[in-house]
Amino acid sequence: MSDIDIDGGSGPEPKRAGWKFLRDLAIIVIAALLASFLVKAYLVRSFYIPSASMENTLLIGDRVLVNELVPGLVHVQRGDVVVFEDPGGWLGPAQGNDLIKRVIGLPGDEVSCCDTSGRLSVNGHAVDEPYVRLQPGSDRVAGTDFEITVPKGQLWVMGDNRYNSADSRVHGTVPLDDVVGRAFVTTWPVSRWTVLSRYADDWDAVPDPS
């Protein structure tokens, strides 16, 4: 005579239900861990800021999150703050392999500095850069004049701390293929949490190269 409960179900049913719950829980945990790994490996990475070249936008010790869909699926734009691998000779042997700067010129852009107001120009358009840390007593966004046409497949990048940044003015352009991604938020320390702006109002006014 079989065991039948008063509801008409068989005795082992609660045990099967418990096993199904544990199985589903395990699947959820594994899926969450896999999703977290994929996000960290292919979509978002965290980077530590070791130098003062991006002050006061980024300070030494800040941590930023970087969107790795840029530039693979999302185009780099002027004003973006990007992390890129050392193209060669930018960093010393004990300084790692990644740098962070702001994109000033895209392929084909004509970048020059400085106009009579101390601003740099891209494709003949003078750009207001409210994020630039100036030299005390100077209104120029760079210490020396320069003029460059950005080659195909390259970027012209500069640090926001213009008088303390060894950037494209020193090392030349950066290959687009070396870009790791676009920094979009400061996550640490908590007091420094902020979304990083590309200052679209200023940069979207720049015309395309002729």
N, C-alpha and C. Protein backbone atom coordinates (compact mmCIF):
# COMPACT_ATOMS: atom_id res chain seq x y z
N MET A 1 0.85 -1.19 0.00
CA MET A 1 0.00 0.00 0.00
C MET A 1 0.89 1.24 0.00
N SER A 2 0.74 2.13 -0.99
CA SER A 2 1.61 3.29 -1.12
C SER A 2 1.19 4.38 -0.17
N ASP A 3 2.20 5.23 0.15
CA ASP A 3 1.94 6.38 1.01
C ASP A 3 1.30 7.49 0.20
N ILE A 4 0.12 7.90 0.57
CA ILE A 4 -0.62 8.97 -0.09
C ILE A 4 -0.99 9.99 0.97
N ASP A 5 -0.66 11.28 0.75
CA ASP A 5 -1.04 12.27 1.73
C ASP A 5 -2.48 12.72 1.47
N ILE A 6 -3.00 13.53 2.35
CA ILE A 6 -4.42 13.88 2.27
C ILE A 6 -4.74 14.74 1.07
N ASP A 7 -3.69 15.36 0.43
CA ASP A 7 -3.93 16.17 -0.75
C ASP A 7 -3.90 15.34 -2.02
N GLY A 8 -3.58 14.11 -1.89
CA GLY A 8 -3.52 13.25 -3.06
C GLY A 8 -2.15 13.19 -3.67
N GLY A 9 -1.11 13.91 -3.12
CA GLY A 9 0.24 13.88 -3.65
C GLY A 9 1.04 12.77 -3.02
N SER A 10 2.17 12.43 -3.60
CA SER A 10 3.01 11.38 -3.06
C SER A 10 3.95 11.95 -2.01
N GLY A 11 4.49 11.14 -1.17
CA GLY A 11 5.33 11.54 -0.07
C GLY A 11 6.60 12.27 -0.46
N PRO A 12 7.37 11.86 -1.51
CA PRO A 12 8.65 12.49 -1.84
C PRO A 12 8.56 13.87 -2.45
N GLU A 13 7.35 14.41 -2.72
CA GLU A 13 7.20 15.69 -3.42
C GLU A 13 7.93 16.84 -2.73
N PRO A 14 7.86 17.05 -1.41
CA PRO A 14 8.59 18.14 -0.77
C PRO A 14 10.08 18.05 -1.00
N LYS A 15 10.64 16.82 -1.01
CA LYS A 15 12.07 16.67 -1.24
C LYS A 15 12.44 17.12 -2.64
N ARG A 16 11.61 16.76 -3.64
CA ARG A 16 11.88 17.19 -5.00
C ARG A 16 11.79 18.71 -5.13
N ALA A 17 10.84 19.29 -4.42
CA ALA A 17 10.68 20.75 -4.45
C ALA A 17 11.91 21.44 -3.87
N GLY A 18 12.44 20.88 -2.77
CA GLY A 18 13.64 21.45 -2.16
C GLY A 18 14.83 21.37 -3.09
N TRP A 19 14.98 20.23 -3.80
CA TRP A 19 16.08 20.07 -4.75
C TRP A 19 15.94 21.05 -5.91
N LYS A 20 14.72 21.25 -6.38
CA LYS A 20 14.50 22.19 -7.49
C LYS A 20 14.86 23.61 -7.07
N PHE A 21 14.52 23.97 -5.83
CA PHE A 21 14.86 25.30 -5.33
C PHE A 21 16.37 25.50 -5.29
N LEU A 22 17.11 24.50 -4.76
CA LEU A 22 18.56 24.60 -4.69
C LEU A 22 19.18 24.67 -6.08
N ARG A 23 18.62 23.88 -7.02
CA ARG A 23 19.13 23.90 -8.39
C ARG A 23 18.95 25.28 -9.01
N ASP A 24 17.74 25.84 -8.85
CA ASP A 24 17.47 27.16 -9.42
C ASP A 24 18.35 28.23 -8.77
N LEU A 25 18.56 28.12 -7.45
CA LEU A 25 19.42 29.08 -6.75
C LEU A 25 20.85 29.00 -7.28
N ALA A 26 21.35 27.78 -7.49
CA ALA A 26 22.69 27.61 -8.02
C ALA A 26 22.82 28.21 -9.41
N ILE A 27 21.80 28.02 -10.26
CA ILE A 27 21.81 28.58 -11.61
C ILE A 27 21.85 30.10 -11.57
N ILE A 28 21.07 30.69 -10.66
CA ILE A 28 21.03 32.14 -10.53
C ILE A 28 22.38 32.68 -10.09
N VAL A 29 23.00 32.03 -9.09
CA VAL A 29 24.31 32.48 -8.59
C VAL A 29 25.37 32.37 -9.67
N ILE A 30 25.39 31.24 -10.40
CA ILE A 30 26.37 31.05 -11.46
C ILE A 30 26.18 32.07 -12.56
N ALA A 31 24.91 32.33 -12.93
CA ALA A 31 24.62 33.31 -13.98
C ALA A 31 25.05 34.71 -13.55
N ALA A 32 24.83 35.04 -12.27
CA ALA A 32 25.23 36.36 -11.78
C ALA A 32 26.73 36.52 -11.79
N LEU A 33 27.45 35.47 -11.37
CA LEU A 33 28.91 35.52 -11.37
C LEU A 33 29.45 35.63 -12.79
N LEU A 34 28.85 34.87 -13.72
CA LEU A 34 29.28 34.92 -15.12
C LEU A 34 29.03 36.30 -15.71
N ALA A 35 27.85 36.87 -15.42
CA ALA A 35 27.53 38.20 -15.94
C ALA A 35 28.50 39.23 -15.39
N SER A 36 28.83 39.12 -14.08
CA SER A 36 29.77 40.05 -13.48
C SER A 36 31.15 39.94 -14.13
N PHE A 37 31.57 38.70 -14.40
CA PHE A 37 32.87 38.49 -15.05
C PHE A 37 32.88 39.09 -16.45
N LEU A 38 31.80 38.84 -17.21
CA LEU A 38 31.75 39.35 -18.58
C LEU A 38 31.73 40.87 -18.61
N VAL A 39 30.99 41.48 -17.66
CA VAL A 39 30.94 42.94 -17.60
C VAL A 39 32.33 43.50 -17.31
N LYS A 40 33.02 42.90 -16.32
CA LYS A 40 34.35 43.39 -15.96
C LYS A 40 35.38 43.13 -17.06
N ALA A 41 35.24 41.99 -17.73
CA ALA A 41 36.25 41.62 -18.73
C ALA A 41 36.05 42.32 -20.06
N TYR A 42 34.80 42.59 -20.44
CA TYR A 42 34.54 43.06 -21.80
C TYR A 42 33.78 44.38 -21.89
N LEU A 43 33.19 44.85 -20.80
CA LEU A 43 32.39 46.06 -20.89
C LEU A 43 32.93 47.19 -20.03
N VAL A 44 33.28 46.91 -18.78
CA VAL A 44 33.68 47.95 -17.85
C VAL A 44 34.91 47.50 -17.07
N ARG A 45 35.88 48.40 -16.94
CA ARG A 45 37.06 48.14 -16.11
C ARG A 45 37.33 49.34 -15.22
N SER A 46 37.98 49.06 -14.11
CA SER A 46 38.35 50.11 -13.17
C SER A 46 39.83 50.44 -13.31
N PHE A 47 40.15 51.75 -13.27
CA PHE A 47 41.54 52.19 -13.38
C PHE A 47 41.86 53.17 -12.26
N TYR A 48 43.10 53.09 -11.80
CA TYR A 48 43.62 53.95 -10.75
C TYR A 48 44.39 55.11 -11.38
N ILE A 49 44.23 56.32 -10.85
CA ILE A 49 44.92 57.49 -11.38
C ILE A 49 46.21 57.72 -10.59
N PRO A 50 47.39 57.54 -11.23
CA PRO A 50 48.66 57.63 -10.50
C PRO A 50 49.36 58.99 -10.60
N SER A 51 48.88 59.88 -11.47
CA SER A 51 49.62 61.13 -11.70
C SER A 51 48.69 62.33 -11.68
N ALA A 52 49.31 63.52 -11.74
CA ALA A 52 48.55 64.78 -11.66
C ALA A 52 48.21 65.35 -13.02
N SER A 53 48.42 64.61 -14.10
CA SER A 53 48.28 65.19 -15.45
C SER A 53 46.84 65.55 -15.82
N MET A 54 45.85 65.00 -15.10
CA MET A 54 44.45 65.32 -15.41
C MET A 54 43.79 66.18 -14.34
N GLU A 55 44.59 66.75 -13.43
CA GLU A 55 44.00 67.64 -12.43
C GLU A 55 43.45 68.90 -13.10
N ASN A 56 42.34 69.47 -12.60
CA ASN A 56 41.65 69.02 -11.41
C ASN A 56 40.46 68.10 -11.73
N THR A 57 40.36 67.63 -12.94
CA THR A 57 39.30 66.69 -13.29
C THR A 57 39.49 65.40 -12.53
N LEU A 58 40.71 64.87 -12.53
CA LEU A 58 41.05 63.64 -11.82
C LEU A 58 42.26 63.89 -10.96
N LEU A 59 42.20 63.42 -9.71
CA LEU A 59 43.29 63.61 -8.77
C LEU A 59 44.03 62.30 -8.55
N ILE A 60 45.26 62.40 -8.08
CA ILE A 60 46.03 61.21 -7.74
C ILE A 60 45.26 60.38 -6.71
N GLY A 61 45.10 59.09 -6.97
CA GLY A 61 44.36 58.22 -6.06
C GLY A 61 42.92 57.98 -6.45
N ASP A 62 42.40 58.77 -7.39
CA ASP A 62 41.04 58.53 -7.87
C ASP A 62 40.97 57.18 -8.60
N ARG A 63 39.78 56.60 -8.60
CA ARG A 63 39.50 55.43 -9.43
C ARG A 63 38.35 55.76 -10.38
N VAL A 64 38.50 55.34 -11.62
CA VAL A 64 37.47 55.60 -12.62
C VAL A 64 37.00 54.30 -13.25
N LEU A 65 35.75 54.30 -13.72
CA LEU A 65 35.25 53.19 -14.51
C LEU A 65 35.35 53.56 -15.98
N VAL A 66 35.74 52.58 -16.79
CA VAL A 66 36.00 52.81 -18.21
C VAL A 66 35.10 51.92 -19.05
N ASN A 67 34.37 52.54 -19.97
CA ASN A 67 33.50 51.83 -20.90
C ASN A 67 34.33 51.28 -22.05
N GLU A 68 34.47 49.94 -22.10
CA GLU A 68 35.32 49.32 -23.11
C GLU A 68 34.62 49.12 -24.46
N LEU A 69 33.37 49.57 -24.57
CA LEU A 69 32.70 49.54 -25.87
C LEU A 69 33.22 50.65 -26.78
N VAL A 70 33.96 51.59 -26.18
CA VAL A 70 34.62 52.67 -26.93
C VAL A 70 36.07 52.25 -27.14
N PRO A 71 36.59 52.26 -28.37
CA PRO A 71 35.96 52.71 -29.61
C PRO A 71 35.41 51.59 -30.48
N GLY A 72 35.32 50.36 -29.97
CA GLY A 72 34.89 49.25 -30.81
C GLY A 72 33.50 49.40 -31.37
N LEU A 73 32.51 49.65 -30.48
CA LEU A 73 31.12 49.79 -30.90
C LEU A 73 30.61 51.22 -30.82
N VAL A 74 31.28 52.03 -30.02
CA VAL A 74 30.88 53.44 -29.84
C VAL A 74 32.06 54.32 -30.25
N HIS A 75 31.79 55.31 -31.09
CA HIS A 75 32.86 56.17 -31.61
C HIS A 75 33.46 57.05 -30.52
N VAL A 76 34.76 57.27 -30.62
CA VAL A 76 35.42 58.27 -29.78
C VAL A 76 34.98 59.65 -30.23
N GLN A 77 34.75 60.55 -29.27
CA GLN A 77 34.35 61.92 -29.58
C GLN A 77 35.35 62.90 -28.99
N ARG A 78 35.42 64.07 -29.60
CA ARG A 78 36.25 65.13 -29.01
C ARG A 78 35.73 65.43 -27.60
N GLY A 79 36.63 65.62 -26.69
CA GLY A 79 36.26 65.89 -25.30
C GLY A 79 36.17 64.66 -24.43
N ASP A 80 36.15 63.46 -25.03
CA ASP A 80 36.13 62.23 -24.23
C ASP A 80 37.41 62.11 -23.42
N VAL A 81 37.28 61.60 -22.20
CA VAL A 81 38.44 61.22 -21.40
C VAL A 81 38.68 59.73 -21.65
N VAL A 82 39.81 59.39 -22.24
CA VAL A 82 40.05 58.00 -22.64
C VAL A 82 41.29 57.42 -21.97
N VAL A 83 41.21 56.11 -21.73
CA VAL A 83 42.37 55.34 -21.29
C VAL A 83 42.94 54.64 -22.52
N PHE A 84 44.26 54.67 -22.66
CA PHE A 84 44.89 54.02 -23.80
C PHE A 84 46.19 53.36 -23.37
N GLU A 85 46.56 52.32 -24.09
CA GLU A 85 47.83 51.66 -23.82
C GLU A 85 48.98 52.52 -24.33
N ASP A 86 50.08 52.45 -23.64
CA ASP A 86 51.27 53.21 -24.03
C ASP A 86 51.66 52.83 -25.46
N PRO A 87 51.61 53.80 -26.40
CA PRO A 87 52.00 53.49 -27.78
C PRO A 87 53.49 53.19 -27.92
N GLY A 88 54.25 53.50 -26.86
CA GLY A 88 55.68 53.27 -26.89
C GLY A 88 56.45 54.51 -26.49
N GLY A 89 57.13 54.46 -25.35
CA GLY A 89 57.98 55.56 -24.93
C GLY A 89 57.30 56.63 -24.10
N TRP A 90 55.99 56.49 -23.83
CA TRP A 90 55.32 57.49 -23.00
C TRP A 90 55.63 57.29 -21.52
N LEU A 91 55.73 56.03 -21.10
CA LEU A 91 55.91 55.70 -19.69
C LEU A 91 57.25 55.00 -19.47
N GLY A 92 57.76 55.12 -18.25
CA GLY A 92 58.97 54.40 -17.88
C GLY A 92 58.64 52.94 -17.57
N PRO A 93 59.65 52.09 -17.42
CA PRO A 93 59.43 50.66 -17.21
C PRO A 93 58.67 50.32 -15.94
N ALA A 94 58.71 51.20 -14.94
CA ALA A 94 58.04 50.91 -13.67
C ALA A 94 56.71 51.65 -13.52
N GLN A 95 56.17 52.17 -14.60
CA GLN A 95 54.97 53.01 -14.52
C GLN A 95 53.72 52.37 -15.12
N GLY A 96 53.74 51.09 -15.36
CA GLY A 96 52.57 50.44 -15.92
C GLY A 96 52.51 50.60 -17.42
N ASN A 97 51.31 50.41 -17.99
CA ASN A 97 51.19 50.44 -19.44
C ASN A 97 49.99 51.24 -19.92
N ASP A 98 49.25 51.89 -19.03
CA ASP A 98 48.04 52.62 -19.41
C ASP A 98 48.14 54.09 -19.02
N LEU A 99 47.56 54.94 -19.87
CA LEU A 99 47.52 56.38 -19.61
C LEU A 99 46.09 56.87 -19.78
N ILE A 100 45.82 58.05 -19.24
CA ILE A 100 44.50 58.66 -19.38
C ILE A 100 44.66 60.13 -19.75
N LYS A 101 43.98 60.54 -20.83
CA LYS A 101 44.04 61.93 -21.31
C LYS A 101 42.68 62.28 -21.93
N ARG A 102 42.55 63.55 -22.33
CA ARG A 102 41.33 64.00 -23.00
C ARG A 102 41.56 64.08 -24.50
N VAL A 103 40.58 63.62 -25.27
CA VAL A 103 40.67 63.66 -26.73
C VAL A 103 40.42 65.09 -27.20
N ILE A 104 41.39 65.63 -27.91
CA ILE A 104 41.29 66.99 -28.44
C ILE A 104 41.05 66.97 -29.95
N GLY A 105 41.75 66.10 -30.65
CA GLY A 105 41.62 66.04 -32.10
C GLY A 105 41.37 64.63 -32.60
N LEU A 106 40.43 64.49 -33.54
CA LEU A 106 40.13 63.23 -34.21
C LEU A 106 40.91 63.15 -35.52
N PRO A 107 40.93 62.00 -36.17
CA PRO A 107 41.64 61.89 -37.45
C PRO A 107 41.19 62.96 -38.44
N GLY A 108 42.17 63.65 -39.02
CA GLY A 108 41.87 64.71 -39.99
C GLY A 108 41.72 66.09 -39.40
N ASP A 109 41.56 66.19 -38.08
CA ASP A 109 41.39 67.50 -37.45
C ASP A 109 42.67 68.32 -37.50
N GLU A 110 42.50 69.64 -37.64
CA GLU A 110 43.62 70.57 -37.54
C GLU A 110 43.57 71.24 -36.16
N VAL A 111 44.55 70.92 -35.34
CA VAL A 111 44.59 71.42 -33.96
C VAL A 111 45.72 72.44 -33.86
N SER A 112 45.42 73.60 -33.28
CA SER A 112 46.45 74.63 -33.14
C SER A 112 46.26 75.37 -31.81
N CYS A 113 47.32 76.01 -31.38
CA CYS A 113 47.29 76.78 -30.14
C CYS A 113 48.44 77.79 -30.18
N CYS A 114 48.26 78.94 -29.67
CA CYS A 114 47.04 79.43 -29.04
C CYS A 114 46.57 80.68 -29.76
N ASP A 115 45.28 81.01 -29.66
CA ASP A 115 44.80 82.24 -30.28
C ASP A 115 45.07 83.42 -29.34
N THR A 116 44.60 84.59 -29.71
CA THR A 116 44.90 85.79 -28.92
C THR A 116 44.28 85.76 -27.53
N SER A 117 43.29 84.87 -27.35
CA SER A 117 42.67 84.72 -26.03
C SER A 117 43.25 83.55 -25.25
N GLY A 118 44.29 82.92 -25.81
CA GLY A 118 44.94 81.82 -25.11
C GLY A 118 44.27 80.48 -25.29
N ARG A 119 43.32 80.39 -26.23
CA ARG A 119 42.59 79.14 -26.43
C ARG A 119 43.20 78.34 -27.58
N LEU A 120 42.97 77.01 -27.54
CA LEU A 120 43.33 76.21 -28.71
C LEU A 120 42.16 76.19 -29.68
N SER A 121 42.45 75.87 -30.93
CA SER A 121 41.44 75.83 -31.97
C SER A 121 41.47 74.47 -32.66
N VAL A 122 40.30 73.98 -33.03
CA VAL A 122 40.18 72.74 -33.79
C VAL A 122 39.37 73.04 -35.04
N ASN A 123 39.98 72.80 -36.19
CA ASN A 123 39.35 73.09 -37.48
C ASN A 123 38.90 74.55 -37.57
N GLY A 124 39.73 75.43 -37.03
CA GLY A 124 39.46 76.86 -37.09
C GLY A 124 38.50 77.38 -36.04
N HIS A 125 37.98 76.50 -35.18
CA HIS A 125 37.03 76.91 -34.15
C HIS A 125 37.73 76.95 -32.79
N ALA A 126 37.73 78.12 -32.15
CA ALA A 126 38.32 78.27 -30.83
C ALA A 126 37.44 77.59 -29.79
N VAL A 127 38.04 76.75 -28.96
CA VAL A 127 37.28 75.95 -27.99
C VAL A 127 37.48 76.51 -26.58
N ASP A 128 36.37 76.76 -25.90
CA ASP A 128 36.44 77.11 -24.48
C ASP A 128 36.58 75.81 -23.68
N GLU A 129 37.60 75.73 -22.84
CA GLU A 129 37.86 74.53 -22.07
C GLU A 129 37.82 74.84 -20.57
N PRO A 130 36.64 74.78 -19.96
CA PRO A 130 36.51 75.18 -18.56
C PRO A 130 37.21 74.25 -17.58
N TYR A 131 37.59 73.07 -18.04
CA TYR A 131 38.22 72.08 -17.16
C TYR A 131 39.73 72.23 -17.06
N VAL A 132 40.34 73.05 -17.91
CA VAL A 132 41.79 73.14 -17.97
C VAL A 132 42.35 73.82 -16.71
N ARG A 133 43.39 73.20 -16.17
CA ARG A 133 44.12 73.82 -15.06
C ARG A 133 45.22 74.68 -15.64
N LEU A 134 45.11 75.99 -15.45
CA LEU A 134 46.05 76.94 -16.05
C LEU A 134 47.25 77.17 -15.14
N GLN A 135 48.30 77.66 -15.76
CA GLN A 135 49.47 78.10 -15.00
C GLN A 135 49.09 79.39 -14.28
N PRO A 136 49.42 79.51 -12.99
CA PRO A 136 49.11 80.76 -12.28
C PRO A 136 49.64 81.98 -13.02
N GLY A 137 48.75 82.94 -13.21
CA GLY A 137 49.14 84.17 -13.89
C GLY A 137 49.06 84.12 -15.40
N SER A 138 48.64 82.97 -15.97
CA SER A 138 48.55 82.85 -17.42
C SER A 138 47.13 82.48 -17.83
N ASP A 139 46.71 82.98 -19.01
CA ASP A 139 45.40 82.60 -19.53
C ASP A 139 45.53 81.67 -20.73
N ARG A 140 46.74 81.19 -21.01
CA ARG A 140 46.98 80.29 -22.13
C ARG A 140 46.78 78.84 -21.70
N VAL A 141 46.11 78.05 -22.56
CA VAL A 141 45.86 76.65 -22.23
C VAL A 141 47.04 75.75 -22.59
N ALA A 142 48.11 76.32 -23.11
CA ALA A 142 49.34 75.59 -23.37
C ALA A 142 50.50 76.58 -23.33
N GLY A 143 51.66 76.10 -22.92
CA GLY A 143 52.78 77.00 -22.75
C GLY A 143 53.44 77.42 -24.04
N THR A 144 53.35 76.57 -25.07
CA THR A 144 53.99 76.87 -26.35
C THR A 144 52.99 76.73 -27.48
N ASP A 145 53.24 77.43 -28.58
CA ASP A 145 52.36 77.32 -29.74
C ASP A 145 52.64 76.01 -30.50
N PHE A 146 51.59 75.48 -31.11
CA PHE A 146 51.76 74.30 -31.96
C PHE A 146 50.64 74.26 -32.98
N GLU A 147 50.87 73.50 -34.04
CA GLU A 147 49.85 73.29 -35.08
C GLU A 147 50.06 71.90 -35.66
N ILE A 148 48.99 71.11 -35.73
CA ILE A 148 49.10 69.72 -36.17
C ILE A 148 47.85 69.31 -36.92
N THR A 149 48.01 68.52 -37.98
CA THR A 149 46.88 67.84 -38.61
C THR A 149 46.95 66.38 -38.17
N VAL A 150 45.91 65.92 -37.50
CA VAL A 150 45.92 64.57 -36.92
C VAL A 150 45.86 63.53 -38.03
N PRO A 151 46.82 62.60 -38.08
CA PRO A 151 46.83 61.60 -39.14
C PRO A 151 45.65 60.63 -39.05
N LYS A 152 45.39 59.95 -40.15
CA LYS A 152 44.34 58.93 -40.21
C LYS A 152 44.60 57.85 -39.16
N GLY A 153 43.54 57.46 -38.45
CA GLY A 153 43.66 56.39 -37.47
C GLY A 153 44.33 56.80 -36.17
N GLN A 154 44.51 58.12 -35.96
CA GLN A 154 45.22 58.61 -34.78
C GLN A 154 44.35 59.61 -34.01
N LEU A 155 44.75 59.87 -32.76
CA LEU A 155 44.09 60.87 -31.91
C LEU A 155 45.14 61.82 -31.35
N TRP A 156 44.72 63.07 -31.18
CA TRP A 156 45.55 64.05 -30.47
C TRP A 156 44.96 64.19 -29.07
N VAL A 157 45.75 63.86 -28.04
CA VAL A 157 45.23 63.87 -26.67
C VAL A 157 46.07 64.81 -25.81
N MET A 158 45.42 65.39 -24.80
CA MET A 158 46.11 66.29 -23.89
C MET A 158 45.57 66.10 -22.49
N GLY A 159 46.42 66.31 -21.48
CA GLY A 159 45.97 66.29 -20.10
C GLY A 159 45.29 67.60 -19.74
N ASP A 160 44.35 67.55 -18.81
CA ASP A 160 43.67 68.77 -18.39
C ASP A 160 44.60 69.70 -17.61
N ASN A 161 45.62 69.13 -16.97
CA ASN A 161 46.63 69.92 -16.27
C ASN A 161 47.73 70.26 -17.28
N ARG A 162 47.45 71.24 -18.13
CA ARG A 162 48.24 71.47 -19.33
C ARG A 162 49.72 71.77 -19.07
N TYR A 163 50.04 72.32 -17.91
CA TYR A 163 51.43 72.65 -17.65
C TYR A 163 52.14 71.55 -16.87
N ASN A 164 51.44 70.41 -16.69
CA ASN A 164 52.06 69.25 -16.01
C ASN A 164 51.56 67.97 -16.65
N SER A 165 51.65 67.91 -17.98
CA SER A 165 51.18 66.74 -18.71
C SER A 165 52.05 66.49 -19.94
N ALA A 166 52.73 65.36 -19.94
CA ALA A 166 53.50 64.95 -21.13
C ALA A 166 52.55 64.19 -22.04
N ASP A 167 51.94 64.89 -22.98
CA ASP A 167 50.88 64.31 -23.80
C ASP A 167 51.28 64.33 -25.27
N SER A 168 50.31 64.52 -26.17
CA SER A 168 50.62 64.50 -27.60
C SER A 168 51.58 65.61 -28.02
N ARG A 169 51.66 66.67 -27.24
CA ARG A 169 52.61 67.74 -27.55
C ARG A 169 54.05 67.26 -27.43
N VAL A 170 54.25 66.25 -26.58
CA VAL A 170 55.59 65.70 -26.35
C VAL A 170 55.80 64.42 -27.15
N HIS A 171 54.80 63.54 -27.13
CA HIS A 171 54.97 62.19 -27.66
C HIS A 171 54.31 61.94 -29.01
N GLY A 172 53.49 62.89 -29.47
CA GLY A 172 52.80 62.68 -30.73
C GLY A 172 51.44 62.05 -30.55
N THR A 173 50.84 61.66 -31.65
CA THR A 173 49.47 61.15 -31.64
C THR A 173 49.39 59.73 -31.11
N VAL A 174 48.15 59.32 -30.80
CA VAL A 174 47.88 57.99 -30.24
C VAL A 174 47.04 57.18 -31.23
N PRO A 175 47.45 55.96 -31.56
CA PRO A 175 46.63 55.14 -32.46
C PRO A 175 45.27 54.81 -31.84
N LEU A 176 44.22 54.94 -32.64
CA LEU A 176 42.89 54.58 -32.16
C LEU A 176 42.86 53.15 -31.64
N ASP A 177 43.63 52.28 -32.24
CA ASP A 177 43.65 50.88 -31.84
C ASP A 177 44.20 50.68 -30.43
N ASP A 178 44.90 51.69 -29.90
CA ASP A 178 45.46 51.57 -28.55
C ASP A 178 44.49 52.03 -27.47
N VAL A 179 43.34 52.57 -27.86
CA VAL A 179 42.36 53.05 -26.88
C VAL A 179 41.69 51.87 -26.19
N VAL A 180 41.74 51.86 -24.87
CA VAL A 180 41.11 50.81 -24.06
C VAL A 180 39.64 51.10 -23.86
N GLY A 181 39.29 52.37 -23.66
CA GLY A 181 37.90 52.74 -23.45
C GLY A 181 37.77 54.17 -22.96
N ARG A 182 36.52 54.59 -22.74
CA ARG A 182 36.23 55.95 -22.29
C ARG A 182 35.89 55.94 -20.80
N ALA A 183 36.58 56.76 -20.03
CA ALA A 183 36.27 56.92 -18.61
C ALA A 183 34.99 57.72 -18.47
N PHE A 184 34.04 57.19 -17.68
CA PHE A 184 32.75 57.88 -17.60
C PHE A 184 32.32 58.23 -16.18
N VAL A 185 32.97 57.71 -15.16
CA VAL A 185 32.58 58.06 -13.80
C VAL A 185 33.76 57.86 -12.87
N THR A 186 33.90 58.76 -11.88
CA THR A 186 34.86 58.58 -10.80
C THR A 186 34.15 57.85 -9.67
N THR A 187 34.71 56.73 -9.22
CA THR A 187 34.03 55.90 -8.22
C THR A 187 34.68 55.96 -6.85
N TRP A 188 35.92 56.40 -6.76
CA TRP A 188 36.62 56.39 -5.47
C TRP A 188 37.65 57.52 -5.44
N PRO A 189 37.80 58.15 -4.28
CA PRO A 189 37.05 57.96 -3.04
C PRO A 189 35.59 58.43 -3.16
N VAL A 190 34.78 58.03 -2.19
CA VAL A 190 33.34 58.33 -2.26
C VAL A 190 33.09 59.83 -2.38
N SER A 191 33.91 60.61 -1.71
CA SER A 191 33.73 62.07 -1.76
C SER A 191 33.99 62.64 -3.14
N ARG A 192 34.63 61.86 -4.02
CA ARG A 192 34.96 62.32 -5.36
C ARG A 192 34.02 61.75 -6.42
N TRP A 193 32.98 61.03 -6.01
CA TRP A 193 32.10 60.41 -6.99
C TRP A 193 31.48 61.47 -7.90
N THR A 194 31.66 61.26 -9.21
CA THR A 194 31.05 62.17 -10.19
C THR A 194 31.07 61.56 -11.58
N VAL A 195 30.13 61.97 -12.40
CA VAL A 195 30.12 61.57 -13.81
C VAL A 195 31.08 62.48 -14.56
N LEU A 196 31.94 61.89 -15.38
CA LEU A 196 32.93 62.67 -16.13
C LEU A 196 32.29 63.24 -17.40
N SER A 197 32.36 64.53 -17.56
CA SER A 197 31.74 65.20 -18.69
C SER A 197 32.73 65.34 -19.84
N ARG A 198 32.22 65.26 -21.06
CA ARG A 198 33.03 65.59 -22.23
C ARG A 198 32.77 67.03 -22.69
N TYR A 199 31.95 67.76 -21.95
CA TYR A 199 31.65 69.16 -22.25
C TYR A 199 31.14 69.29 -23.68
N ALA A 200 30.03 68.61 -23.91
CA ALA A 200 29.46 68.51 -25.26
C ALA A 200 29.13 69.87 -25.86
N ASP A 201 28.65 70.80 -25.05
CA ASP A 201 28.28 72.11 -25.59
C ASP A 201 29.49 72.79 -26.25
N ASP A 202 30.66 72.60 -25.68
CA ASP A 202 31.87 73.22 -26.23
C ASP A 202 32.40 72.43 -27.42
N TRP A 203 32.45 71.11 -27.29
CA TRP A 203 33.08 70.31 -28.33
C TRP A 203 32.20 70.02 -29.53
N ASP A 204 30.89 69.95 -29.34
CA ASP A 204 30.01 69.67 -30.48
C ASP A 204 29.91 70.87 -31.42
N ALA A 205 30.41 72.02 -30.98
CA ALA A 205 30.41 73.20 -31.87
C ALA A 205 31.57 73.17 -32.85
N VAL A 206 32.50 72.24 -32.66
CA VAL A 206 33.65 72.14 -33.57
C VAL A 206 33.21 71.54 -34.90
N PRO A 207 33.50 72.18 -36.03
CA PRO A 207 33.10 71.63 -37.33
C PRO A 207 34.00 70.48 -37.72
N ASP A 208 33.50 69.62 -38.59
CA ASP A 208 34.32 68.55 -39.14
C ASP A 208 35.43 69.15 -40.00
N PRO A 209 36.53 68.43 -40.17
CA PRO A 209 37.61 68.96 -41.00
C PRO A 209 37.17 69.11 -42.44
N SER A 210 37.69 70.10 -43.11
CA SER A 210 37.30 70.37 -44.50
C SER A 210 37.95 69.35 -45.43
